[in-house]
């Protein structure tokens, strides 16, 4: 059964409840959404890197292969939530 895009699933409603905890204003909610969005993008990029390299972060499998992780650079993603 297909749901309307305006109707939230049970899991989405649970997430809304968690999101609202400790929020006093819409600004608080927007700030949390921005951090969640940034964290989601970061996890997706990490998974993409693991898939590309064939090993997980901090694994010794990449040592001395010429294709090892050698650092971390901060990236800025511009979205509807602003810059993250």
PDB file of N, CA and C in Angstrom:
ATOM      1  N   UNK A   1       0.841  -1.179   0.000  1.00  0.00           N
ATOM      2  CA  UNK A   1       0.000   0.000   0.000  1.00  0.00           C
ATOM      3  C   UNK A   1       0.889   1.246   0.000  1.00  0.00           C
ATOM      4  N   UNK A   2       0.608   2.168  -0.861  1.00  0.00           N
ATOM      5  CA  UNK A   2       1.379   3.388  -0.986  1.00  0.00           C
ATOM      6  C   UNK A   2       0.818   4.473  -0.069  1.00  0.00           C
ATOM      7  N   UNK A   3       1.711   5.126   0.682  1.00  0.00           N
ATOM      8  CA  UNK A   3       1.278   6.180   1.595  1.00  0.00           C
ATOM      9  C   UNK A   3       1.481   7.548   0.957  1.00  0.00           C
ATOM     10  N   UNK A   4       0.624   8.476   1.366  1.00  0.00           N
ATOM     11  CA  UNK A   4       0.791   9.860   0.946  1.00  0.00           C
ATOM     12  C   UNK A   4       2.102  10.383   1.522  1.00  0.00           C
ATOM     13  N   UNK A   5       2.782  11.276   0.816  1.00  0.00           N
ATOM     14  CA  UNK A   5       4.055  11.770   1.320  1.00  0.00           C
ATOM     15  C   UNK A   5       3.900  12.667   2.544  1.00  0.00           C
ATOM     16  N   UNK A   6       2.683  13.075   2.886  1.00  0.00           N
ATOM     17  CA  UNK A   6       2.461  13.897   4.070  1.00  0.00           C
ATOM     18  C   UNK A   6       2.168  13.073   5.323  1.00  0.00           C
ATOM     19  N   UNK A   7       1.945  11.777   5.174  1.00  0.00           N
ATOM     20  CA  UNK A   7       1.640  10.911   6.315  1.00  0.00           C
ATOM     21  C   UNK A   7       2.931  10.256   6.793  1.00  0.00           C
ATOM     22  N   UNK A   8       3.239  10.416   8.082  1.00  0.00           N
ATOM     23  CA  UNK A   8       4.455   9.853   8.647  1.00  0.00           C
ATOM     24  C   UNK A   8       4.245   8.406   9.058  1.00  0.00           C
ATOM     25  N   UNK A   9       5.256   7.594   8.864  1.00  0.00           N
ATOM     26  CA  UNK A   9       5.214   6.207   9.326  1.00  0.00           C
ATOM     27  C   UNK A   9       5.428   6.192  10.837  1.00  0.00           C
ATOM     28  N   UNK A  10       5.227   5.031  11.433  1.00  0.00           N
ATOM     29  CA  UNK A  10       5.428   4.887  12.873  1.00  0.00           C
ATOM     30  C   UNK A  10       6.877   5.220  13.241  1.00  0.00           C
ATOM     31  N   UNK A  11       7.836   4.719  12.475  1.00  0.00           N
ATOM     32  CA  UNK A  11       9.245   4.988  12.758  1.00  0.00           C
ATOM     33  C   UNK A  11       9.572   6.477  12.610  1.00  0.00           C
ATOM     34  N   UNK A  12       8.973   7.115  11.626  1.00  0.00           N
ATOM     35  CA  UNK A  12       9.188   8.552  11.451  1.00  0.00           C
ATOM     36  C   UNK A  12       8.608   9.331  12.628  1.00  0.00           C
ATOM     37  N   UNK A  13       7.461   8.905  13.128  1.00  0.00           N
ATOM     38  CA  UNK A  13       6.869   9.565  14.299  1.00  0.00           C
ATOM     39  C   UNK A  13       7.759   9.378  15.532  1.00  0.00           C
ATOM     40  N   UNK A  14       8.359   8.208  15.670  1.00  0.00           N
ATOM     41  CA  UNK A  14       9.303   7.988  16.772  1.00  0.00           C
ATOM     42  C   UNK A  14      10.488   8.941  16.652  1.00  0.00           C
ATOM     43  N   UNK A  15      10.986   9.106  15.439  1.00  0.00           N
ATOM     44  CA  UNK A  15      12.099  10.010  15.209  1.00  0.00           C
ATOM     45  C   UNK A  15      11.710  11.448  15.534  1.00  0.00           C
ATOM     46  N   UNK A  16      10.510  11.848  15.176  1.00  0.00           N
ATOM     47  CA  UNK A  16      10.010  13.189  15.502  1.00  0.00           C
ATOM     48  C   UNK A  16      10.007  13.384  17.014  1.00  0.00           C
ATOM     49  N   UNK A  17       9.537  12.378  17.749  1.00  0.00           N
ATOM     50  CA  UNK A  17       9.523  12.461  19.206  1.00  0.00           C
ATOM     51  C   UNK A  17      10.920  12.640  19.778  1.00  0.00           C
ATOM     52  N   UNK A  18      11.875  11.884  19.253  1.00  0.00           N
ATOM     53  CA  UNK A  18      13.262  12.014  19.713  1.00  0.00           C
ATOM     54  C   UNK A  18      13.837  13.381  19.346  1.00  0.00           C
ATOM     55  N   UNK A  19      13.519  13.835  18.160  1.00  0.00           N
ATOM     56  CA  UNK A  19      14.003  15.128  17.697  1.00  0.00           C
ATOM     57  C   UNK A  19      13.497  16.269  18.571  1.00  0.00           C
ATOM     58  N   UNK A  20      12.255  16.177  19.008  1.00  0.00           N
ATOM     59  CA  UNK A  20      11.642  17.253  19.789  1.00  0.00           C
ATOM     60  C   UNK A  20      12.174  17.335  21.219  1.00  0.00           C
ATOM     61  N   UNK A  21      12.792  16.256  21.712  1.00  0.00           N
ATOM     62  CA  UNK A  21      13.307  16.275  23.079  1.00  0.00           C
ATOM     63  C   UNK A  21      14.328  17.403  23.230  1.00  0.00           C
ATOM     64  N   UNK A  22      14.212  18.142  24.278  1.00  0.00           N
ATOM     65  CA  UNK A  22      15.129  19.240  24.618  1.00  0.00           C
ATOM     66  C   UNK A  22      15.058  20.431  23.667  1.00  0.00           C
ATOM     67  N   UNK A  23      14.080  20.481  22.797  1.00  0.00           N
ATOM     68  CA  UNK A  23      13.933  21.623  21.893  1.00  0.00           C
ATOM     69  C   UNK A  23      12.927  22.604  22.485  1.00  0.00           C
ATOM     70  N   UNK A  24      13.294  23.863  22.497  1.00  0.00           N
ATOM     71  CA  UNK A  24      12.431  24.913  23.028  1.00  0.00           C
ATOM     72  C   UNK A  24      11.867  25.808  21.929  1.00  0.00           C
ATOM     73  N   UNK A  25      12.457  25.717  20.729  1.00  0.00           N
ATOM     74  CA  UNK A  25      12.031  26.605  19.648  1.00  0.00           C
ATOM     75  C   UNK A  25      12.244  25.917  18.301  1.00  0.00           C
ATOM     76  N   UNK A  26      11.720  26.531  17.270  1.00  0.00           N
ATOM     77  CA  UNK A  26      11.951  25.993  15.923  1.00  0.00           C
ATOM     78  C   UNK A  26      13.427  26.103  15.558  1.00  0.00           C
ATOM     79  N   UNK A  27      14.104  27.092  16.098  1.00  0.00           N
ATOM     80  CA  UNK A  27      15.548  27.232  15.871  1.00  0.00           C
ATOM     81  C   UNK A  27      16.310  26.036  16.421  1.00  0.00           C
ATOM     82  N   UNK A  28      15.886  25.551  17.609  1.00  0.00           N
ATOM     83  CA  UNK A  28      16.516  24.362  18.198  1.00  0.00           C
ATOM     84  C   UNK A  28      16.313  23.156  17.290  1.00  0.00           C
ATOM     85  N   UNK A  29      15.105  23.013  16.753  1.00  0.00           N
ATOM     86  CA  UNK A  29      14.803  21.889  15.862  1.00  0.00           C
ATOM     87  C   UNK A  29      15.631  22.003  14.588  1.00  0.00           C
ATOM     88  N   UNK A  30      15.717  23.195  14.021  1.00  0.00           N
ATOM     89  CA  UNK A  30      16.510  23.390  12.806  1.00  0.00           C
ATOM     90  C   UNK A  30      17.979  23.074  13.046  1.00  0.00           C
ATOM     91  N   UNK A  31      18.485  23.459  14.203  1.00  0.00           N
ATOM     92  CA  UNK A  31      19.874  23.186  14.535  1.00  0.00           C
ATOM     93  C   UNK A  31      20.118  21.671  14.623  1.00  0.00           C
ATOM     94  N   UNK A  32      19.196  20.954  15.258  1.00  0.00           N
ATOM     95  CA  UNK A  32      19.316  19.496  15.350  1.00  0.00           C
ATOM     96  C   UNK A  32      19.238  18.859  13.974  1.00  0.00           C
ATOM     97  N   UNK A  33      18.302  19.322  13.150  1.00  0.00           N
ATOM     98  CA  UNK A  33      18.170  18.769  11.801  1.00  0.00           C
ATOM     99  C   UNK A  33      19.444  18.999  10.995  1.00  0.00           C
ATOM    100  N   UNK A  34      20.050  20.148  11.154  1.00  0.00           N
ATOM    101  CA  UNK A  34      21.289  20.458  10.439  1.00  0.00           C
ATOM    102  C   UNK A  34      22.393  19.490  10.862  1.00  0.00           C
ATOM    103  N   UNK A  35      22.526  19.242  12.179  1.00  0.00           N
ATOM    104  CA  UNK A  35      23.548  18.314  12.674  1.00  0.00           C
ATOM    105  C   UNK A  35      23.267  16.885  12.217  1.00  0.00           C
ATOM    106  N   UNK A  36      21.987  16.497  12.239  1.00  0.00           N
ATOM    107  CA  UNK A  36      21.619  15.155  11.781  1.00  0.00           C
ATOM    108  C   UNK A  36      21.905  14.984  10.296  1.00  0.00           C
ATOM    109  N   UNK A  37      21.608  15.995   9.512  1.00  0.00           N
ATOM    110  CA  UNK A  37      21.873  15.942   8.079  1.00  0.00           C
ATOM    111  C   UNK A  37      23.372  15.795   7.827  1.00  0.00           C
ATOM    112  N   UNK A  38      24.174  16.614   8.520  1.00  0.00           N
ATOM    113  CA  UNK A  38      25.627  16.552   8.358  1.00  0.00           C
ATOM    114  C   UNK A  38      26.157  15.182   8.765  1.00  0.00           C
ATOM    115  N   UNK A  39      25.653  14.642   9.867  1.00  0.00           N
ATOM    116  CA  UNK A  39      26.088  13.321  10.321  1.00  0.00           C
ATOM    117  C   UNK A  39      25.711  12.224   9.338  1.00  0.00           C
ATOM    118  N   UNK A  40      24.535  12.337   8.748  1.00  0.00           N
ATOM    119  CA  UNK A  40      24.085  11.357   7.761  1.00  0.00           C
ATOM    120  C   UNK A  40      24.973  11.392   6.523  1.00  0.00           C
ATOM    121  N   UNK A  41      25.258  12.586   6.024  1.00  0.00           N
ATOM    122  CA  UNK A  41      26.123  12.730   4.854  1.00  0.00           C
ATOM    123  C   UNK A  41      27.512  12.179   5.164  1.00  0.00           C
ATOM    124  N   UNK A  42      28.035  12.477   6.362  1.00  0.00           N
ATOM    125  CA  UNK A  42      29.361  11.995   6.745  1.00  0.00           C
ATOM    126  C   UNK A  42      29.401  10.462   6.760  1.00  0.00           C
ATOM    127  N   UNK A  43      28.382   9.832   7.311  1.00  0.00           N
ATOM    128  CA  UNK A  43      28.337   8.370   7.335  1.00  0.00           C
ATOM    129  C   UNK A  43      28.242   7.792   5.927  1.00  0.00           C
ATOM    130  N   UNK A  44      27.475   8.437   5.069  1.00  0.00           N
ATOM    131  CA  UNK A  44      27.361   7.969   3.686  1.00  0.00           C
ATOM    132  C   UNK A  44      28.708   8.059   2.970  1.00  0.00           C
ATOM    133  N   UNK A  45      29.428   9.152   3.176  1.00  0.00           N
ATOM    134  CA  UNK A  45      30.734   9.314   2.541  1.00  0.00           C
ATOM    135  C   UNK A  45      31.747   8.305   3.080  1.00  0.00           C
ATOM    136  N   UNK A  46      31.699   8.035   4.388  1.00  0.00           N
ATOM    137  CA  UNK A  46      32.582   7.024   4.977  1.00  0.00           C
ATOM    138  C   UNK A  46      32.304   5.651   4.373  1.00  0.00           C
ATOM    139  N   UNK A  47      31.019   5.308   4.227  1.00  0.00           N
ATOM    140  CA  UNK A  47      30.652   4.014   3.638  1.00  0.00           C
ATOM    141  C   UNK A  47      31.113   3.935   2.190  1.00  0.00           C
ATOM    142  N   UNK A  48      30.995   5.038   1.471  1.00  0.00           N
ATOM    143  CA  UNK A  48      31.447   5.076   0.079  1.00  0.00           C
ATOM    144  C   UNK A  48      32.960   4.867  -0.001  1.00  0.00           C
ATOM    145  N   UNK A  49      33.700   5.488   0.911  1.00  0.00           N
ATOM    146  CA  UNK A  49      35.150   5.331   0.928  1.00  0.00           C
ATOM    147  C   UNK A  49      35.538   3.894   1.256  1.00  0.00           C
ATOM    148  N   UNK A  50      34.851   3.288   2.235  1.00  0.00           N
ATOM    149  CA  UNK A  50      35.128   1.896   2.583  1.00  0.00           C
ATOM    150  C   UNK A  50      34.869   0.975   1.395  1.00  0.00           C
ATOM    151  N   UNK A  51      33.794   1.233   0.673  1.00  0.00           N
ATOM    152  CA  UNK A  51      33.473   0.427  -0.506  1.00  0.00           C
ATOM    153  C   UNK A  51      34.548   0.606  -1.582  1.00  0.00           C
ATOM    154  N   UNK A  52      34.959   1.833  -1.787  1.00  0.00           N
ATOM    155  CA  UNK A  52      35.965   2.131  -2.807  1.00  0.00           C
ATOM    156  C   UNK A  52      37.315   1.478  -2.481  1.00  0.00           C
ATOM    157  N   UNK A  53      37.746   1.606  -1.220  1.00  0.00           N
ATOM    158  CA  UNK A  53      39.055   1.080  -0.833  1.00  0.00           C
ATOM    159  C   UNK A  53      39.038  -0.418  -0.537  1.00  0.00           C
ATOM    160  N   UNK A  54      37.879  -0.921  -0.130  1.00  0.00           N
ATOM    161  CA  UNK A  54      37.775  -2.350   0.170  1.00  0.00           C
ATOM    162  C   UNK A  54      38.120  -2.720   1.598  1.00  0.00           C
ATOM    163  N   UNK A  55      38.236  -1.733   2.466  1.00  0.00           N
ATOM    164  CA  UNK A  55      38.493  -2.018   3.881  1.00  0.00           C
ATOM    165  C   UNK A  55      37.951  -0.884   4.737  1.00  0.00           C
ATOM    166  N   UNK A  56      37.707  -1.191   6.021  1.00  0.00           N
ATOM    167  CA  UNK A  56      37.130  -0.216   6.936  1.00  0.00           C
ATOM    168  C   UNK A  56      38.185   0.754   7.464  1.00  0.00           C
ATOM    169  N   UNK A  57      37.710   1.869   7.953  1.00  0.00           N
ATOM    170  CA  UNK A  57      38.560   2.880   8.567  1.00  0.00           C
ATOM    171  C   UNK A  57      39.340   2.253   9.722  1.00  0.00           C
ATOM    172  N   UNK A  58      40.597   2.623   9.880  1.00  0.00           N
ATOM    173  CA  UNK A  58      41.511   2.146  10.921  1.00  0.00           C
ATOM    174  C   UNK A  58      41.935   0.695  10.725  1.00  0.00           C
ATOM    175  N   UNK A  59      41.585   0.078   9.606  1.00  0.00           N
ATOM    176  CA  UNK A  59      41.996  -1.293   9.331  1.00  0.00           C
ATOM    177  C   UNK A  59      43.441  -1.298   8.855  1.00  0.00           C
ATOM    178  N   UNK A  60      44.186  -2.322   9.228  1.00  0.00           N
ATOM    179  CA  UNK A  60      45.580  -2.415   8.793  1.00  0.00           C
ATOM    180  C   UNK A  60      45.703  -2.950   7.365  1.00  0.00           C
ATOM    181  N   UNK A  61      44.594  -3.351   6.781  1.00  0.00           N
ATOM    182  CA  UNK A  61      44.610  -3.904   5.429  1.00  0.00           C
ATOM    183  C   UNK A  61      45.187  -2.940   4.400  1.00  0.00           C
ATOM    184  N   UNK A  62      45.042  -1.649   4.609  1.00  0.00           N
ATOM    185  CA  UNK A  62      45.520  -0.670   3.641  1.00  0.00           C
ATOM    186  C   UNK A  62      46.956  -0.243   3.837  1.00  0.00           C
ATOM    187  N   UNK A  63      47.575  -0.644   4.951  1.00  0.00           N
ATOM    188  CA  UNK A  63      48.946  -0.217   5.236  1.00  0.00           C
ATOM    189  C   UNK A  63      49.901  -0.646   4.131  1.00  0.00           C
ATOM    190  N   UNK A  64      50.718   0.291   3.682  1.00  0.00           N
ATOM    191  CA  UNK A  64      51.758   0.049   2.683  1.00  0.00           C
ATOM    192  C   UNK A  64      51.232  -0.489   1.356  1.00  0.00           C
ATOM    193  N   UNK A  65      50.002  -0.190   1.024  1.00  0.00           N
ATOM    194  CA  UNK A  65      49.447  -0.637  -0.256  1.00  0.00           C
ATOM    195  C   UNK A  65      49.497   0.472  -1.303  1.00  0.00           C
ATOM    196  N   UNK A  66      49.807   1.675  -0.878  1.00  0.00           N
ATOM    197  CA  UNK A  66      49.771   2.799  -1.796  1.00  0.00           C
ATOM    198  C   UNK A  66      48.361   3.344  -1.963  1.00  0.00           C
ATOM    199  N   UNK A  67      47.401   2.713  -1.305  1.00  0.00           N
ATOM    200  CA  UNK A  67      46.003   3.138  -1.386  1.00  0.00           C
ATOM    201  C   UNK A  67      45.409   3.155   0.016  1.00  0.00           C
ATOM    202  N   UNK A  68      46.119   3.792   0.931  1.00  0.00           N
ATOM    203  CA  UNK A  68      45.655   3.800   2.311  1.00  0.00           C
ATOM    204  C   UNK A  68      45.135   5.180   2.689  1.00  0.00           C
ATOM    205  N   UNK A  69      44.317   5.188   3.700  1.00  0.00           N
ATOM    206  CA  UNK A  69      43.795   6.456   4.209  1.00  0.00           C
ATOM    207  C   UNK A  69      44.913   7.156   4.945  1.00  0.00           C
ATOM    208  N   UNK A  70      45.079   8.424   4.683  1.00  0.00           N
ATOM    209  CA  UNK A  70      46.200   9.125   5.302  1.00  0.00           C
ATOM    210  C   UNK A  70      45.803  10.454   5.920  1.00  0.00           C
ATOM    211  N   UNK A  71      44.556  10.586   6.281  1.00  0.00           N
ATOM    212  CA  UNK A  71      44.168  11.826   6.934  1.00  0.00           C
ATOM    213  C   UNK A  71      42.697  12.123   6.772  1.00  0.00           C
ATOM    214  N   UNK A  72      42.339  13.296   7.210  1.00  0.00           N
ATOM    215  CA  UNK A  72      40.946  13.718   7.206  1.00  0.00           C
ATOM    216  C   UNK A  72      40.909  15.193   6.868  1.00  0.00           C
ATOM    217  N   UNK A  73      40.061  15.555   5.960  1.00  0.00           N
ATOM    218  CA  UNK A  73      39.860  16.960   5.624  1.00  0.00           C
ATOM    219  C   UNK A  73      38.413  17.327   5.877  1.00  0.00           C
ATOM    220  N   UNK A  74      38.205  18.497   6.420  1.00  0.00           N
ATOM    221  CA  UNK A  74      36.854  18.987   6.670  1.00  0.00           C
ATOM    222  C   UNK A  74      36.238  19.427   5.350  1.00  0.00           C
ATOM    223  N   UNK A  75      35.007  19.035   5.131  1.00  0.00           N
ATOM    224  CA  UNK A  75      34.273  19.406   3.926  1.00  0.00           C
ATOM    225  C   UNK A  75      33.048  20.211   4.327  1.00  0.00           C
ATOM    226  N   UNK A  76      32.610  21.093   3.446  1.00  0.00           N
ATOM    227  CA  UNK A  76      31.401  21.871   3.664  1.00  0.00           C
ATOM    228  C   UNK A  76      30.375  21.459   2.625  1.00  0.00           C
ATOM    229  N   UNK A  77      29.187  21.061   3.112  1.00  0.00           N
ATOM    230  CA  UNK A  77      28.089  20.700   2.229  1.00  0.00           C
ATOM    231  C   UNK A  77      27.044  21.800   2.321  1.00  0.00           C
ATOM    232  N   UNK A  78      26.638  22.341   1.184  1.00  0.00           N
ATOM    233  CA  UNK A  78      25.625  23.382   1.148  1.00  0.00           C
ATOM    234  C   UNK A  78      24.306  22.721   0.756  1.00  0.00           C
ATOM    235  N   UNK A  79      23.280  22.891   1.609  1.00  0.00           N
ATOM    236  CA  UNK A  79      21.987  22.265   1.361  1.00  0.00           C
ATOM    237  C   UNK A  79      20.870  23.229   1.758  1.00  0.00           C
ATOM    238  N   UNK A  80      19.646  22.739   1.715  1.00  0.00           N
ATOM    239  CA  UNK A  80      18.502  23.536   2.164  1.00  0.00           C
ATOM    240  C   UNK A  80      18.610  23.898   3.646  1.00  0.00           C
ATOM    241  N   UNK A  81      19.403  23.130   4.403  1.00  0.00           N
ATOM    242  CA  UNK A  81      19.585  23.396   5.825  1.00  0.00           C
ATOM    243  C   UNK A  81      20.719  24.377   6.078  1.00  0.00           C
ATOM    244  N   UNK A  82      21.340  24.867   5.022  1.00  0.00           N
ATOM    245  CA  UNK A  82      22.466  25.766   5.167  1.00  0.00           C
ATOM    246  C   UNK A  82      23.765  25.004   4.948  1.00  0.00           C
ATOM    247  N   UNK A  83      24.864  25.559   5.428  1.00  0.00           N
ATOM    248  CA  UNK A  83      26.154  24.899   5.301  1.00  0.00           C
ATOM    249  C   UNK A  83      26.387  23.988   6.481  1.00  0.00           C
ATOM    250  N   UNK A  84      26.884  22.793   6.203  1.00  0.00           N
ATOM    251  CA  UNK A  84      27.209  21.841   7.268  1.00  0.00           C
ATOM    252  C   UNK A  84      28.654  21.466   7.174  1.00  0.00           C
TER     253      UNK A  84
END
